Amino acid sequence: MGKIVSLNISSKKGVNKEPVEAVELRVDHGIEGDAHAGKWHRQVSLLAQEAIDFMRAKGLELEPGAFAENITTEGIDLARLPVGTRLRAGEVELEVTQIGKKCHKGCAIFQQVGDCIMPREGIFAKVIVPGTLRTGDTLEVV
């Protein structure tokens, strides 16, 4: 059992996501108002706070959303979940579709410390059951 520590969105790609208190998720879309939403397999991105803390230990000052993740979690080892795993928070259900991703060229975090966690620790999901998520919601592996 884990929890949502931050929900993050941006209106355009290539910028840090900003925290919000709540988000609406739609099937075949993702998070309303987020630039990365759309009808594809990476509708929602998740990253564990524990992974962000690992990068902070390298001397970086980072806030949730710095890795462009939509949902920052705590208490679940996201990178170890197999593709197809379902996650539930309230009425919302997500299905893990991808573990990690290639870092785009010129990633500022990689340039600063020679490492980035998103390629190995970030996960992506699609929306199976729509609804509202709020910061502080419990997140569970189904």
Protein backbone atom coordinates (compact mmCIF):
# COMPACT_ATOMS: atom_id res chain seq x y z
CA MET A 1 0.00 0.00 0.00
CA GLY A 2 1.32 3.41 -0.93
CA LYS A 3 0.12 6.96 -1.26
CA ILE A 4 0.10 9.83 -3.71
CA VAL A 5 2.42 12.57 -2.44
CA SER A 6 2.05 14.91 -5.43
CA LEU A 7 -0.03 15.31 -8.60
CA ASN A 8 1.72 17.27 -11.34
CA ILE A 9 0.65 18.68 -14.70
CA SER A 10 1.94 21.02 -17.39
CA SER A 11 0.14 22.67 -20.28
CA LYS A 12 3.09 22.10 -22.64
CA LYS A 13 5.79 19.50 -23.15
CA GLY A 14 9.43 20.08 -22.27
CA VAL A 15 8.83 21.96 -19.01
CA ASN A 16 8.65 20.89 -15.36
CA LYS A 17 5.21 19.90 -14.20
CA GLU A 18 3.59 21.95 -11.45
CA PRO A 19 1.82 20.42 -8.43
CA VAL A 20 -1.98 20.56 -8.19
CA GLU A 21 -4.31 19.30 -5.45
CA ALA A 22 -6.52 17.14 -7.68
CA VAL A 23 -6.74 15.84 -11.25
CA GLU A 24 -9.44 14.32 -13.44
CA LEU A 25 -8.52 11.22 -15.44
CA ARG A 26 -10.32 10.02 -18.59
CA VAL A 27 -10.15 6.66 -20.36
CA ASP A 28 -8.20 6.80 -23.65
CA HIS A 29 -6.81 10.20 -22.63
CA GLY A 30 -5.07 10.49 -19.27
CA ILE A 31 -5.07 13.59 -17.09
CA GLU A 32 -7.24 16.54 -18.13
CA GLY A 33 -5.09 19.59 -18.84
CA ASP A 34 -1.77 17.75 -19.10
CA ALA A 35 0.31 18.14 -22.26
CA HIS A 36 1.29 14.44 -22.31
CA ALA A 37 -2.29 13.17 -22.26
CA GLY A 38 -3.67 11.51 -25.36
CA LYS A 39 -4.75 8.23 -26.91
CA TRP A 40 -1.52 6.29 -26.47
CA HIS A 41 0.09 3.91 -23.98
CA ARG A 42 1.87 6.61 -21.91
CA GLN A 43 -1.16 8.59 -20.73
CA VAL A 44 0.05 8.95 -17.13
CA SER A 45 3.59 8.86 -15.71
CA LEU A 46 4.49 7.83 -12.17
CA LEU A 47 7.71 8.13 -10.17
CA ALA A 48 8.42 7.18 -6.56
CA GLN A 49 9.44 9.84 -4.05
CA GLU A 50 12.13 7.39 -2.96
CA ALA A 51 13.73 7.69 -6.42
CA ILE A 52 13.61 11.50 -6.23
CA ASP A 53 15.24 11.32 -2.78
CA PHE A 54 18.04 9.18 -4.32
CA MET A 55 18.76 12.01 -6.78
CA ARG A 56 18.56 14.61 -4.01
CA ALA A 57 21.33 12.69 -2.23
CA LYS A 58 23.53 13.50 -5.25
CA GLY A 59 23.21 17.18 -4.41
CA LEU A 60 20.23 18.20 -6.53
CA GLU A 61 17.40 20.34 -5.23
CA LEU A 62 14.34 18.65 -6.73
CA GLU A 63 10.63 18.95 -6.19
CA PRO A 64 7.92 16.55 -7.36
CA GLY A 65 7.29 17.10 -11.07
CA ALA A 66 10.96 17.80 -11.85
CA PHE A 67 11.13 14.56 -13.83
CA ALA A 68 7.85 15.41 -15.61
CA GLU A 69 5.98 12.73 -13.68
CA ASN A 70 2.25 13.17 -13.25
CA ILE A 71 1.99 11.18 -10.05
CA THR A 72 4.66 11.12 -7.36
CA THR A 73 4.14 8.15 -5.05
CA GLU A 74 5.50 6.81 -1.80
CA GLY A 75 5.62 3.27 -0.47
CA ILE A 76 5.44 1.24 -3.72
CA ASP A 77 8.49 0.02 -5.65
CA LEU A 78 7.07 1.17 -8.99
CA ALA A 79 10.03 0.10 -11.15
CA ARG A 80 9.60 -3.53 -10.03
CA LEU A 81 5.96 -3.75 -11.12
CA PRO A 82 5.51 -5.79 -14.29
CA VAL A 83 3.73 -4.36 -17.33
CA GLY A 84 0.03 -5.16 -16.96
CA THR A 85 -0.07 -4.46 -13.21
CA ARG A 86 -3.14 -2.53 -12.11
CA LEU A 87 -2.99 0.33 -9.61
CA ARG A 88 -6.03 1.75 -7.84
CA ALA A 89 -6.61 5.00 -5.96
CA GLY A 90 -10.23 5.63 -5.01
CA GLU A 91 -12.34 4.89 -8.09
CA VAL A 92 -9.42 5.41 -10.50
CA GLU A 93 -7.67 2.38 -11.94
CA LEU A 94 -4.51 2.48 -14.03
CA GLU A 95 -2.69 -0.27 -15.94
CA VAL A 96 1.11 -0.19 -16.17
CA THR A 97 2.11 -0.11 -19.85
CA GLN A 98 5.83 0.70 -19.79
CA ILE A 99 8.73 0.70 -17.33
CA GLY A 100 11.25 3.48 -17.90
CA LYS A 101 11.92 5.46 -21.04
CA LYS A 102 14.82 6.89 -22.96
CA CYS A 103 15.94 10.24 -21.66
CA HIS A 104 15.67 12.93 -24.30
CA LYS A 105 18.92 14.52 -25.44
CA GLY A 106 20.00 17.38 -23.27
CA CYS A 107 18.23 16.29 -20.06
CA ALA A 108 19.29 18.99 -17.58
CA ILE A 109 19.40 16.61 -14.62
CA PHE A 110 21.66 14.13 -16.46
CA GLN A 111 23.96 16.98 -17.51
CA GLN A 112 24.30 18.15 -13.90
CA VAL A 113 25.09 14.82 -12.21
CA GLY A 114 25.62 12.25 -14.98
CA ASP A 115 22.55 10.26 -13.98
CA CYS A 116 18.79 10.36 -14.39
CA ILE A 117 16.29 8.03 -12.72
CA MET A 118 13.37 8.34 -15.14
CA PRO A 119 14.83 5.86 -17.69
CA ARG A 120 14.94 3.09 -15.07
CA GLU A 121 12.55 4.15 -12.28
CA GLY A 122 9.69 5.97 -13.98
CA ILE A 123 6.65 4.02 -15.14
CA PHE A 124 3.79 4.78 -17.50
CA ALA A 125 0.16 3.75 -17.41
CA LYS A 126 -3.13 4.08 -19.21
CA VAL A 127 -6.44 4.91 -17.56
CA ILE A 128 -8.76 1.89 -17.16
CA VAL A 129 -11.36 3.41 -14.82
CA PRO A 130 -11.77 7.22 -14.87
CA GLY A 131 -12.24 9.54 -11.92
CA THR A 132 -10.59 12.05 -9.63
CA LEU A 133 -7.26 11.71 -7.82
CA ARG A 134 -6.22 13.90 -4.91
CA THR A 135 -2.89 14.47 -3.22
CA GLY A 136 -2.77 12.17 -0.19
CA ASP A 137 -4.94 9.43 -1.72
CA THR A 138 -4.01 5.84 -0.95
CA LEU A 139 -2.54 3.93 -3.90
CA GLU A 140 -2.64 0.15 -4.03
CA VAL A 141 -1.48 -2.60 -6.33
CA VAL A 142 -4.56 -4.56 -7.42
